[in-house]
Protein backbone atom coordinates (compact mmCIF):
# COMPACT_ATOMS: atom_id res chain seq x y z
CA UNK A 1 0.00 0.00 0.00
CA UNK A 2 1.19 3.51 -0.77
CA UNK A 3 -0.02 6.87 0.51
CA UNK A 4 1.38 10.21 -0.63
CA UNK A 5 0.55 13.67 0.74
CA UNK A 6 1.94 16.95 -0.67
CA UNK A 7 2.41 20.46 0.69
CA UNK A 8 0.16 21.63 3.46
CA UNK A 9 0.16 18.38 5.44
CA UNK A 10 3.95 18.16 5.28
CA UNK A 11 6.30 21.15 5.66
CA UNK A 12 4.66 24.57 5.30
CA UNK A 13 7.98 26.45 5.43
CA UNK A 14 9.49 24.59 2.44
CA UNK A 15 9.13 25.58 -1.21
CA UNK A 16 7.77 22.11 -1.87
CA UNK A 17 7.17 19.06 0.30
CA UNK A 18 5.53 15.67 0.46
CA UNK A 19 5.09 12.69 2.75
CA UNK A 20 5.03 9.13 1.43
CA UNK A 21 4.18 5.90 3.21
CA UNK A 22 4.88 2.47 1.70
CA UNK A 23 3.77 -0.26 4.04
CA UNK A 24 5.29 0.71 7.38
CA UNK A 25 8.08 2.82 5.85
CA UNK A 26 7.37 6.55 6.04
CA UNK A 27 9.54 9.31 4.54
CA UNK A 28 9.12 13.06 4.26
CA UNK A 29 10.84 15.43 1.82
CA UNK A 30 11.28 19.18 1.92
CA UNK A 31 12.53 21.20 -1.07
CA UNK A 32 14.31 24.43 -0.18
CA UNK A 33 15.35 26.71 -3.04
CA UNK A 34 18.20 29.21 -2.64
CA UNK A 35 19.94 31.61 -5.00
CA UNK A 36 23.63 31.03 -5.63
CA UNK A 37 26.33 31.16 -8.29
CA UNK A 38 26.27 28.44 -10.96
CA UNK A 39 29.05 25.84 -10.78
CA UNK A 40 32.17 26.80 -12.75
CA UNK A 41 31.96 23.71 -14.95
CA UNK A 42 28.30 24.39 -15.82
CA UNK A 43 27.80 28.19 -15.83
CA UNK A 44 24.39 27.93 -17.53
CA UNK A 45 22.86 25.44 -15.09
CA UNK A 46 21.43 25.28 -11.60
CA UNK A 47 21.72 22.15 -9.50
CA UNK A 48 20.10 19.91 -6.91
CA UNK A 49 21.57 18.62 -3.63
CA UNK A 50 19.76 15.55 -2.27
CA UNK A 51 20.33 14.34 1.28
CA UNK A 52 18.81 11.29 2.94
CA UNK A 53 18.66 11.25 6.74
CA UNK A 54 18.10 8.05 8.73
CA UNK A 55 17.76 9.27 12.33
CA UNK A 56 17.51 6.96 15.35
CA UNK A 57 13.81 7.79 15.69
CA UNK A 58 12.98 5.78 12.54
CA UNK A 59 14.60 2.51 13.67
CA UNK A 60 16.69 1.06 16.47
CA UNK A 61 19.28 -0.04 13.87
CA UNK A 62 20.43 3.57 13.37
CA UNK A 63 22.57 5.50 15.84
CA UNK A 64 23.03 9.23 16.51
CA UNK A 65 25.96 10.98 14.88
CA UNK A 66 27.18 11.60 11.33
CA UNK A 67 25.36 9.92 8.40
CA UNK A 68 25.94 6.18 8.32
CA UNK A 69 26.86 4.07 5.31
CA UNK A 70 23.25 3.33 4.32
CA UNK A 71 22.23 7.02 4.47
CA UNK A 72 25.26 8.06 2.40
CA UNK A 73 24.58 5.34 -0.17
CA UNK A 74 20.92 6.39 -0.40
CA UNK A 75 21.89 10.06 -0.92
CA UNK A 76 24.32 9.11 -3.70
CA UNK A 77 21.71 6.83 -5.28
CA UNK A 78 19.15 9.66 -5.39
CA UNK A 79 21.78 11.99 -6.90
CA UNK A 80 22.53 9.39 -9.59
CA UNK A 81 18.83 8.97 -10.38
CA UNK A 82 18.37 12.74 -10.70
CA UNK A 83 21.22 12.88 -13.22
CA UNK A 84 20.50 9.71 -15.20
CA UNK A 85 16.75 10.24 -15.47
CA UNK A 86 16.93 13.88 -16.64
CA UNK A 87 14.30 14.60 -13.99
CA UNK A 88 14.65 18.38 -14.32
CA UNK A 89 16.34 20.47 -17.00
CA UNK A 90 19.06 22.11 -14.93
CA UNK A 91 19.41 24.93 -17.48
CA UNK A 92 15.93 26.11 -16.48
CA UNK A 93 17.24 26.66 -12.95
CA UNK A 94 19.76 29.19 -14.27
CA UNK A 95 18.68 32.83 -14.01
CA UNK A 96 21.79 34.63 -15.30
CA UNK A 97 24.66 32.69 -16.87
CA UNK A 98 27.75 32.48 -14.64
CA UNK A 99 26.08 34.83 -12.15
CA UNK A 100 22.91 33.47 -10.62
CA UNK A 101 20.99 30.21 -10.43
CA UNK A 102 18.70 28.19 -8.18
CA UNK A 103 20.03 25.39 -6.02
CA UNK A 104 17.38 22.98 -4.76
CA UNK A 105 18.20 21.36 -1.43
CA UNK A 106 16.19 18.13 -1.28
CA UNK A 107 16.17 16.92 2.31
CA UNK A 108 14.60 13.49 2.75
CA UNK A 109 14.05 12.18 6.27
CA UNK A 110 12.86 8.72 7.19
CA UNK A 111 10.28 8.83 9.99
CA UNK A 112 9.65 5.09 10.17
CA UNK A 113 11.95 2.46 8.63
CA UNK A 114 10.73 -0.97 7.58
CA UNK A 115 12.72 -1.63 4.41
CA UNK A 116 12.20 -0.50 0.81
CA UNK A 117 13.81 2.87 1.56
CA UNK A 118 15.00 3.75 -1.96
CA UNK A 119 11.57 3.33 -3.55
CA UNK A 120 10.03 5.62 -0.95
CA UNK A 121 12.81 8.22 -1.37
CA UNK A 122 12.31 8.45 -5.14
CA UNK A 123 8.53 8.75 -4.86
CA UNK A 124 8.64 11.38 -2.11
CA UNK A 125 11.23 13.41 -4.06
CA UNK A 126 9.08 13.28 -7.19
CA UNK A 127 5.94 14.29 -5.26
CA UNK A 128 7.74 17.17 -3.50
CA UNK A 129 9.19 18.49 -6.77
CA UNK A 130 5.79 18.35 -8.47
CA UNK A 131 4.43 20.30 -5.51
CA UNK A 132 7.26 22.90 -5.44
CA UNK A 133 6.90 26.48 -6.66
CA UNK A 134 9.69 29.02 -7.16
CA UNK A 135 9.28 32.82 -7.02
CA UNK A 136 9.98 34.95 -10.07
CA UNK A 137 13.51 36.39 -10.16
CA UNK A 138 14.73 39.20 -12.41
CA UNK A 139 18.05 41.01 -12.67
CA UNK A 140 17.89 44.79 -12.29
CA UNK A 141 20.01 46.12 -15.18
CA UNK A 142 20.82 49.35 -13.35
CA UNK A 143 21.96 47.87 -10.04
CA UNK A 144 22.86 44.39 -11.37
CA UNK A 145 21.08 42.92 -8.34
CA UNK A 146 18.53 40.14 -8.18
CA UNK A 147 14.94 41.07 -7.43
CA UNK A 148 12.66 38.35 -6.08
CA UNK A 149 8.88 38.59 -6.42
CA UNK A 150 7.41 36.14 -3.91
CA UNK A 151 3.89 37.04 -5.09
CA UNK A 152 4.60 35.48 -8.48
CA UNK A 153 5.44 31.81 -8.20
CA UNK A 154 5.53 29.11 -10.81
CA UNK A 155 5.83 25.32 -10.54
CA UNK A 156 8.92 23.40 -11.55
CA UNK A 157 8.88 21.71 -14.94
CA UNK A 158 9.31 17.97 -14.42
CA UNK A 159 10.75 16.30 -17.53
CA UNK A 160 10.61 12.67 -16.43
CA UNK A 161 8.79 10.57 -13.87
CA UNK A 162 11.30 8.06 -12.49
CA UNK A 163 9.95 5.40 -10.16
CA UNK A 164 11.98 2.77 -8.32
CA UNK A 165 11.04 -0.85 -7.70
CA UNK A 166 13.03 -2.79 -5.11
CA UNK A 167 13.37 -6.56 -4.89
CA UNK A 168 14.77 -8.96 -2.31
CA UNK A 169 16.55 -11.91 -3.94
CA UNK A 170 16.90 -15.32 -2.32
CA UNK A 171 19.57 -17.37 -4.14
CA UNK A 172 18.20 -16.37 -7.58
CA UNK A 173 15.19 -18.65 -7.06
CA UNK A 174 12.77 -16.43 -5.13
CA UNK A 175 12.26 -12.69 -5.66
CA UNK A 176 10.09 -10.56 -3.36
CA UNK A 177 8.85 -7.10 -4.36
CA UNK A 178 8.68 -4.28 -1.79
CA UNK A 179 10.69 -6.12 0.87
CA UNK A 180 10.31 -5.30 4.55
CA UNK A 181 13.34 -4.73 6.78
CA UNK A 182 13.19 -8.35 7.96
CA UNK A 183 12.98 -9.67 4.40
CA UNK A 184 15.93 -7.49 3.40
CA UNK A 185 18.03 -8.84 6.27
CA UNK A 186 17.25 -12.45 5.27
CA UNK A 187 17.81 -11.98 1.53
CA UNK A 188 20.99 -12.93 -0.31
CA UNK A 189 20.87 -9.81 -2.52
CA UNK A 190 18.92 -6.58 -2.97
CA UNK A 191 18.05 -4.98 -6.30
CA UNK A 192 16.45 -1.63 -7.18
CA UNK A 193 15.35 -0.87 -10.75
CA UNK A 194 14.40 2.69 -11.78
CA UNK A 195 12.38 3.33 -14.94
CA UNK A 196 10.56 6.37 -16.33
CA UNK A 197 7.14 6.86 -17.91
CA UNK A 198 8.52 6.03 -21.37
CA UNK A 199 9.77 2.64 -20.15
CA UNK A 200 13.37 3.84 -20.23
CA UNK A 201 15.78 2.19 -17.80
CA UNK A 202 17.26 4.98 -15.67
CA UNK A 203 19.24 3.08 -13.05
CA UNK A 204 19.93 -0.38 -11.66
CA UNK A 205 21.29 -0.58 -8.12
CA UNK A 206 22.57 -3.88 -6.76
CA UNK A 207 24.94 -3.50 -3.80
CA UNK A 208 26.73 -6.86 -3.87
CA UNK A 209 25.15 -10.12 -2.79
CA UNK A 210 24.53 -13.25 -4.85
CA UNK A 211 24.40 -13.12 -8.64
CA UNK A 212 21.20 -12.69 -10.63
CA UNK A 213 20.52 -14.35 -13.99
CA UNK A 214 19.69 -12.27 -17.05
CA UNK A 215 16.23 -13.82 -17.17
CA UNK A 216 15.46 -12.86 -13.58
CA UNK A 217 16.84 -9.35 -14.10
CA UNK A 218 14.61 -8.83 -17.15
CA UNK A 219 11.65 -10.06 -15.10
CA UNK A 220 12.42 -7.41 -12.45
CA UNK A 221 12.71 -4.69 -15.12
CA UNK A 222 9.33 -5.67 -16.58
CA UNK A 223 7.76 -5.50 -13.12
CA UNK A 224 9.35 -2.08 -12.56
CA UNK A 225 7.90 -0.75 -15.84
CA UNK A 226 4.41 -1.86 -14.82
CA UNK A 227 4.78 -0.36 -11.35
CA UNK A 228 5.95 2.99 -12.77
CA UNK A 229 2.59 3.51 -14.47
CA UNK A 230 0.69 2.70 -11.28
CA UNK A 231 2.78 4.98 -9.02
CA UNK A 232 2.88 7.88 -11.52
CA UNK A 233 -0.90 7.77 -11.85
CA UNK A 234 -1.35 7.74 -8.06
CA UNK A 235 1.02 10.67 -7.46
CA UNK A 236 -0.69 12.63 -10.24
CA UNK A 237 -4.12 12.04 -8.71
CA UNK A 238 -2.99 13.20 -5.26
CA UNK A 239 -1.33 16.37 -6.61
CA UNK A 240 -4.43 17.14 -8.68
CA UNK A 241 -6.80 16.59 -5.74
CA UNK A 242 -4.79 18.91 -3.49
CA UNK A 243 -4.61 21.58 -6.21
CA UNK A 244 -8.39 21.36 -6.75
CA UNK A 245 -8.99 21.58 -3.00
CA UNK A 246 -7.14 24.89 -2.86
């Protein structure tokens, strides 16, 4: 089961937010937009900075302190998905080449952990971005300063709709979709497949474990393609219902 809630029932101080629950796993995402200089190697682009936080409150397996290995791996995975899926055209985040652009800080926090973290992180990021709105920014030609009009906001343009599907593998003979934390701990390998709405393969994440045959991998990809359509439709319905309610 999956529930997704945008905006007002999540983080009112963020530029975009959402809360997603898959089974017993619950994650929340806040998008915070700030103005900064474009990176030197991409002067005509803005950028996104994802961060996944797994605090002790979500599970007894996590300890206080700096981000653990799983949180760091999840953050890097989300960054890879953003880049490989072409989720947002980064050039549209640029306001003035080499001078000013938007940076989107995407903070994802797990409130309750029971496995299948990566799927939940991708869905909550997608929902929060579809819910986000950025104020209009213009450059004053006389003062060369940025002027922000918070009364005029426009939504982000989402190019792709990546959705992840995670599988727990048991010696290449049994594959379980949407594994719980217990199923993950008992499995011999974990696999996450990310596809978009055009059935493109965006990413495959398999952190070690036992091998997987080509036939089984293709089966997982086919399942991921089917699931993408279901999740994308659900997220779209929720965003539309909240917009209509306003």
